[in-house]
C-alpha atoms as a PDB file:
ATOM      1  CA  UNK A   1     -13.970 -14.070  -5.795  1.00  0.00           C
ATOM      2  CA  UNK A   2     -14.385 -10.596  -7.077  1.00  0.00           C
ATOM      3  CA  UNK A   3     -14.728  -8.545  -3.840  1.00  0.00           C
ATOM      4  CA  UNK A   4     -11.488  -6.492  -3.726  1.00  0.00           C
ATOM      5  CA  UNK A   5      -9.750  -4.611  -1.013  1.00  0.00           C
ATOM      6  CA  UNK A   6      -6.682  -2.296  -1.550  1.00  0.00           C
ATOM      7  CA  UNK A   7      -4.151  -1.467   0.982  1.00  0.00           C
ATOM      8  CA  UNK A   8      -1.495   1.116   0.210  1.00  0.00           C
ATOM      9  CA  UNK A   9       1.578   1.369   2.531  1.00  0.00           C
ATOM     10  CA  UNK A  10       2.042   5.136   1.591  1.00  0.00           C
ATOM     11  CA  UNK A  11       5.416   5.724   2.990  1.00  0.00           C
ATOM     12  CA  UNK A  12       6.827   2.480   1.476  1.00  0.00           C
ATOM     13  CA  UNK A  13       5.297   3.373  -1.853  1.00  0.00           C
ATOM     14  CA  UNK A  14       6.675   6.919  -1.795  1.00  0.00           C
ATOM     15  CA  UNK A  15      10.213   5.487  -1.625  1.00  0.00           C
ATOM     16  CA  UNK A  16       9.510   2.940  -4.271  1.00  0.00           C
ATOM     17  CA  UNK A  17       8.194   5.703  -6.636  1.00  0.00           C
ATOM     18  CA  UNK A  18      11.125   7.880  -5.826  1.00  0.00           C
ATOM     19  CA  UNK A  19      13.420   4.944  -6.688  1.00  0.00           C
ATOM     20  CA  UNK A  20      11.656   4.446  -9.938  1.00  0.00           C
ATOM     21  CA  UNK A  21      11.620   8.256 -10.848  1.00  0.00           C
ATOM     22  CA  UNK A  22       7.831   8.504 -11.349  1.00  0.00           C
ATOM     23  CA  UNK A  23       4.821   8.702  -9.229  1.00  0.00           C
ATOM     24  CA  UNK A  24       1.354   6.880  -9.448  1.00  0.00           C
ATOM     25  CA  UNK A  25      -2.001   8.506  -9.347  1.00  0.00           C
ATOM     26  CA  UNK A  26      -4.194   7.097  -6.510  1.00  0.00           C
ATOM     27  CA  UNK A  27      -7.342   7.628  -8.722  1.00  0.00           C
ATOM     28  CA  UNK A  28      -5.891   5.645 -11.698  1.00  0.00           C
ATOM     29  CA  UNK A  29      -4.831   2.899  -9.147  1.00  0.00           C
ATOM     30  CA  UNK A  30      -8.479   2.347  -8.155  1.00  0.00           C
ATOM     31  CA  UNK A  31      -9.554   2.624 -11.975  1.00  0.00           C
ATOM     32  CA  UNK A  32      -6.837   0.137 -13.024  1.00  0.00           C
ATOM     33  CA  UNK A  33      -7.827  -2.662 -10.536  1.00  0.00           C
ATOM     34  CA  UNK A  34     -11.618  -2.199 -11.088  1.00  0.00           C
ATOM     35  CA  UNK A  35     -11.901  -2.021 -14.754  1.00  0.00           C
ATOM     36  CA  UNK A  36     -13.529  -5.615 -14.896  1.00  0.00           C
ATOM     37  CA  UNK A  37     -17.258  -5.195 -14.382  1.00  0.00           C
ATOM     38  CA  UNK A  38     -17.272  -8.374 -12.229  1.00  0.00           C
ATOM     39  CA  UNK A  39     -14.718  -6.614  -9.705  1.00  0.00           C
ATOM     40  CA  UNK A  40     -16.463  -4.959  -6.660  1.00  0.00           C
ATOM     41  CA  UNK A  41     -14.181  -2.532  -4.784  1.00  0.00           C
ATOM     42  CA  UNK A  42     -15.116  -2.977  -1.096  1.00  0.00           C
ATOM     43  CA  UNK A  43     -12.328  -0.999   0.509  1.00  0.00           C
ATOM     44  CA  UNK A  44      -9.339   1.082  -0.174  1.00  0.00           C
ATOM     45  CA  UNK A  45      -7.037   2.074   2.573  1.00  0.00           C
ATOM     46  CA  UNK A  46      -3.969   4.462   2.384  1.00  0.00           C
ATOM     47  CA  UNK A  47      -1.559   4.591   5.407  1.00  0.00           C
ATOM     48  CA  UNK A  48       0.894   7.446   5.772  1.00  0.00           C
ATOM     49  CA  UNK A  49       3.200   9.137   8.487  1.00  0.00           C
ATOM     50  CA  UNK A  50       2.844  12.855   8.974  1.00  0.00           C
ATOM     51  CA  UNK A  51       5.303  15.490  10.439  1.00  0.00           C
ATOM     52  CA  UNK A  52       2.336  17.181  12.147  1.00  0.00           C
ATOM     53  CA  UNK A  53      -1.526  16.828  12.087  1.00  0.00           C
ATOM     54  CA  UNK A  54      -1.787  19.339   9.218  1.00  0.00           C
ATOM     55  CA  UNK A  55       1.011  17.634   7.151  1.00  0.00           C
ATOM     56  CA  UNK A  56      -0.252  16.524   3.739  1.00  0.00           C
ATOM     57  CA  UNK A  57      -3.879  17.844   4.477  1.00  0.00           C
ATOM     58  CA  UNK A  58      -4.703  18.545   0.818  1.00  0.00           C
ATOM     59  CA  UNK A  59      -3.402  15.105  -0.332  1.00  0.00           C
ATOM     60  CA  UNK A  60      -5.310  13.306   2.389  1.00  0.00           C
ATOM     61  CA  UNK A  61      -8.443  15.173   1.699  1.00  0.00           C
ATOM     62  CA  UNK A  62      -8.076  14.203  -2.133  1.00  0.00           C
ATOM     63  CA  UNK A  63      -7.475  10.565  -1.101  1.00  0.00           C
ATOM     64  CA  UNK A  64     -10.722  10.631   1.113  1.00  0.00           C
ATOM     65  CA  UNK A  65     -12.687  12.169  -1.761  1.00  0.00           C
ATOM     66  CA  UNK A  66     -11.523   9.315  -4.123  1.00  0.00           C
ATOM     67  CA  UNK A  67     -12.825   6.805  -1.559  1.00  0.00           C
ATOM     68  CA  UNK A  68      -9.720   5.922   0.319  1.00  0.00           C
ATOM     69  CA  UNK A  69      -9.868   5.383   4.067  1.00  0.00           C
ATOM     70  CA  UNK A  70      -6.777   7.232   5.221  1.00  0.00           C
ATOM     71  CA  UNK A  71      -4.939   6.182   8.316  1.00  0.00           C
ATOM     72  CA  UNK A  72      -2.156   8.342   9.758  1.00  0.00           C
ATOM     73  CA  UNK A  73       0.515   8.378  12.386  1.00  0.00           C
ATOM     74  CA  UNK A  74       2.786  11.060  13.618  1.00  0.00           C
ATOM     75  CA  UNK A  75       6.569  10.364  12.377  1.00  0.00           C
ATOM     76  CA  UNK A  76       8.916   9.362  15.353  1.00  0.00           C
ATOM     77  CA  UNK A  77      12.421  10.555  15.068  1.00  0.00           C
ATOM     78  CA  UNK A  78      15.243   7.992  15.569  1.00  0.00           C
ATOM     79  CA  UNK A  79      18.966   8.363  16.015  1.00  0.00           C
ATOM     80  CA  UNK A  80      21.096   5.869  14.276  1.00  0.00           C
ATOM     81  CA  UNK A  81      24.394   5.400  16.243  1.00  0.00           C
ATOM     82  CA  UNK A  82      26.068   3.865  13.232  1.00  0.00           C
ATOM     83  CA  UNK A  83      25.576   6.612  10.702  1.00  0.00           C
ATOM     84  CA  UNK A  84      25.227   9.422  13.276  1.00  0.00           C
ATOM     85  CA  UNK A  85      22.039  10.496  11.372  1.00  0.00           C
ATOM     86  CA  UNK A  86      18.334  11.055  12.464  1.00  0.00           C
ATOM     87  CA  UNK A  87      15.627   9.408  10.549  1.00  0.00           C
ATOM     88  CA  UNK A  88      11.952   9.835  10.854  1.00  0.00           C
ATOM     89  CA  UNK A  89       9.517   6.711  10.719  1.00  0.00           C
ATOM     90  CA  UNK A  90       5.894   6.034  11.185  1.00  0.00           C
ATOM     91  CA  UNK A  91       5.547   2.312  11.283  1.00  0.00           C
ATOM     92  CA  UNK A  92       1.894   1.516  10.249  1.00  0.00           C
ATOM     93  CA  UNK A  93       2.322  -2.118   9.609  1.00  0.00           C
ATOM     94  CA  UNK A  94       0.105  -3.133  12.591  1.00  0.00           C
ATOM     95  CA  UNK A  95      -2.642  -0.721  11.358  1.00  0.00           C
ATOM     96  CA  UNK A  96      -2.509  -2.353   7.984  1.00  0.00           C
ATOM     97  CA  UNK A  97      -2.720  -5.906   9.323  1.00  0.00           C
ATOM     98  CA  UNK A  98      -5.493  -4.932  11.819  1.00  0.00           C
ATOM     99  CA  UNK A  99      -7.586  -3.442   9.040  1.00  0.00           C
ATOM    100  CA  UNK A 100      -6.869  -6.486   6.787  1.00  0.00           C
ATOM    101  CA  UNK A 101      -8.182  -8.981   9.408  1.00  0.00           C
ATOM    102  CA  UNK A 102     -11.043  -6.795  10.672  1.00  0.00           C
ATOM    103  CA  UNK A 103     -12.448  -6.773   7.254  1.00  0.00           C
ATOM    104  CA  UNK A 104     -11.444 -10.285   6.068  1.00  0.00           C
ATOM    105  CA  UNK A 105     -15.076 -11.377   5.679  1.00  0.00           C
ATOM    106  CA  UNK A 106     -15.824  -8.460   3.353  1.00  0.00           C
ATOM    107  CA  UNK A 107     -13.350  -9.436   0.488  1.00  0.00           C
ATOM    108  CA  UNK A 108     -12.024 -12.289  -1.599  1.00  0.00           C
ATOM    109  CA  UNK A 109      -9.014 -10.538  -3.037  1.00  0.00           C
ATOM    110  CA  UNK A 110      -6.393  -8.094  -1.564  1.00  0.00           C
ATOM    111  CA  UNK A 111      -4.017  -5.880  -3.402  1.00  0.00           C
ATOM    112  CA  UNK A 112      -1.262  -4.714  -1.040  1.00  0.00           C
ATOM    113  CA  UNK A 113       1.019  -1.990  -2.196  1.00  0.00           C
ATOM    114  CA  UNK A 114       4.158  -2.592  -0.122  1.00  0.00           C
ATOM    115  CA  UNK A 115       7.414  -4.433  -0.274  1.00  0.00           C
ATOM    116  CA  UNK A 116       7.879  -4.880   3.502  1.00  0.00           C
ATOM    117  CA  UNK A 117       8.840  -8.267   4.538  1.00  0.00           C
ATOM    118  CA  UNK A 118       7.013  -7.785   7.904  1.00  0.00           C
ATOM    119  CA  UNK A 119       3.682  -8.745   6.109  1.00  0.00           C
ATOM    120  CA  UNK A 120       4.851 -12.187   5.408  1.00  0.00           C
ATOM    121  CA  UNK A 121       2.936 -13.928   8.270  1.00  0.00           C
ATOM    122  CA  UNK A 122      -0.228 -11.890   7.832  1.00  0.00           C
ATOM    123  CA  UNK A 123      -0.207 -12.771   4.154  1.00  0.00           C
ATOM    124  CA  UNK A 124       0.126 -16.530   4.859  1.00  0.00           C
ATOM    125  CA  UNK A 125      -2.820 -16.327   7.429  1.00  0.00           C
ATOM    126  CA  UNK A 126      -5.079 -14.556   4.823  1.00  0.00           C
ATOM    127  CA  UNK A 127      -4.162 -17.000   2.146  1.00  0.00           C
ATOM    128  CA  UNK A 128      -5.208 -19.800   4.509  1.00  0.00           C
ATOM    129  CA  UNK A 129      -8.530 -18.206   4.488  1.00  0.00           C
ATOM    130  CA  UNK A 130      -8.762 -18.465   0.670  1.00  0.00           C
ATOM    131  CA  UNK A 131      -8.008 -14.880   0.032  1.00  0.00           C
ATOM    132  CA  UNK A 132      -6.110 -14.147  -3.053  1.00  0.00           C
ATOM    133  CA  UNK A 133      -3.139 -11.747  -2.457  1.00  0.00           C
ATOM    134  CA  UNK A 134      -1.473  -9.585  -5.004  1.00  0.00           C
ATOM    135  CA  UNK A 135       1.498  -7.556  -3.874  1.00  0.00           C
ATOM    136  CA  UNK A 136       2.513  -4.498  -5.838  1.00  0.00           C
ATOM    137  CA  UNK A 137       6.104  -3.073  -5.365  1.00  0.00           C
ATOM    138  CA  UNK A 138       9.293  -2.634  -7.348  1.00  0.00           C
ATOM    139  CA  UNK A 139      12.477  -4.605  -7.740  1.00  0.00           C
ATOM    140  CA  UNK A 140      14.974  -3.923  -5.099  1.00  0.00           C
ATOM    141  CA  UNK A 141      12.279  -2.890  -2.679  1.00  0.00           C
ATOM    142  CA  UNK A 142      10.308  -6.088  -2.441  1.00  0.00           C
ATOM    143  CA  UNK A 143      11.294  -8.479   0.398  1.00  0.00           C
ATOM    144  CA  UNK A 144      11.948 -12.064  -0.655  1.00  0.00           C
ATOM    145  CA  UNK A 145       9.784 -13.425   2.027  1.00  0.00           C
ATOM    146  CA  UNK A 146       6.899 -11.194   0.931  1.00  0.00           C
ATOM    147  CA  UNK A 147       7.271 -12.100  -2.749  1.00  0.00           C
ATOM    148  CA  UNK A 148       7.447 -15.855  -1.693  1.00  0.00           C
ATOM    149  CA  UNK A 149       4.142 -16.043   0.167  1.00  0.00           C
ATOM    150  CA  UNK A 150       2.084 -13.983  -2.280  1.00  0.00           C
ATOM    151  CA  UNK A 151      -0.342 -15.354  -4.987  1.00  0.00           C
ATOM    152  CA  UNK A 152       0.840 -12.665  -7.537  1.00  0.00           C
ATOM    153  CA  UNK A 153       3.577  -9.955  -7.588  1.00  0.00           C
ATOM    154  CA  UNK A 154       3.073  -6.981  -9.779  1.00  0.00           C
ATOM    155  CA  UNK A 155       6.191  -4.672 -10.402  1.00  0.00           C
ATOM    156  CA  UNK A 156       5.017  -1.061 -10.462  1.00  0.00           C
ATOM    157  CA  UNK A 157       6.951  -0.503 -13.712  1.00  0.00           C
ATOM    158  CA  UNK A 158       4.861  -3.176 -15.380  1.00  0.00           C
ATOM    159  CA  UNK A 159       1.682  -1.168 -14.793  1.00  0.00           C
ATOM    160  CA  UNK A 160       3.047   2.442 -15.095  1.00  0.00           C
ATOM    161  CA  UNK A 161       1.374   3.219 -18.310  1.00  0.00           C
ATOM    162  CA  UNK A 162      -2.023   2.509 -16.456  1.00  0.00           C
ATOM    163  CA  UNK A 163      -1.322   4.167 -13.095  1.00  0.00           C
ATOM    164  CA  UNK A 164       1.201   6.958 -13.734  1.00  0.00           C
ATOM    165  CA  UNK A 165       0.433  10.412 -12.563  1.00  0.00           C
ATOM    166  CA  UNK A 166      -0.036  12.631 -15.710  1.00  0.00           C
ATOM    167  CA  UNK A 167       1.750  15.972 -15.710  1.00  0.00           C
ATOM    168  CA  UNK A 168      -1.095  18.563 -16.044  1.00  0.00           C
END
């Protein structure tokens, strides 16, 4: 059980990191979870919303050079009648779940970087296929439903020394 796939909900993690006051390094994330020689990284996916097709070009290129498969979607603008504000959102949950199920025969373990409760049913289904699921998020941003169905929960702050982006 050492074939690993990593799925990073980039927008969800951006807000989790912002809440914590520090950011993680995508390269160090891969290194941290593959330090054991018996672990074989099969796939690493990064999902993110874009303002326009050129948005985050350098960051996306860097992710690709590290070995991530990058999935993007243009942000949609929504108006909230209650607050009177516009917000932008690119919901990539379906893309994450589709990739998880399309590659399920390739891995034994999944690490999902997200706190979104919408993943509850997908995680239940993956676990029924004997897949070990670890969810990485942070307190106050991890849905109770998601935390309840995962095999293991890791708080970002607990692995901060291993994955934090260094100031160069």
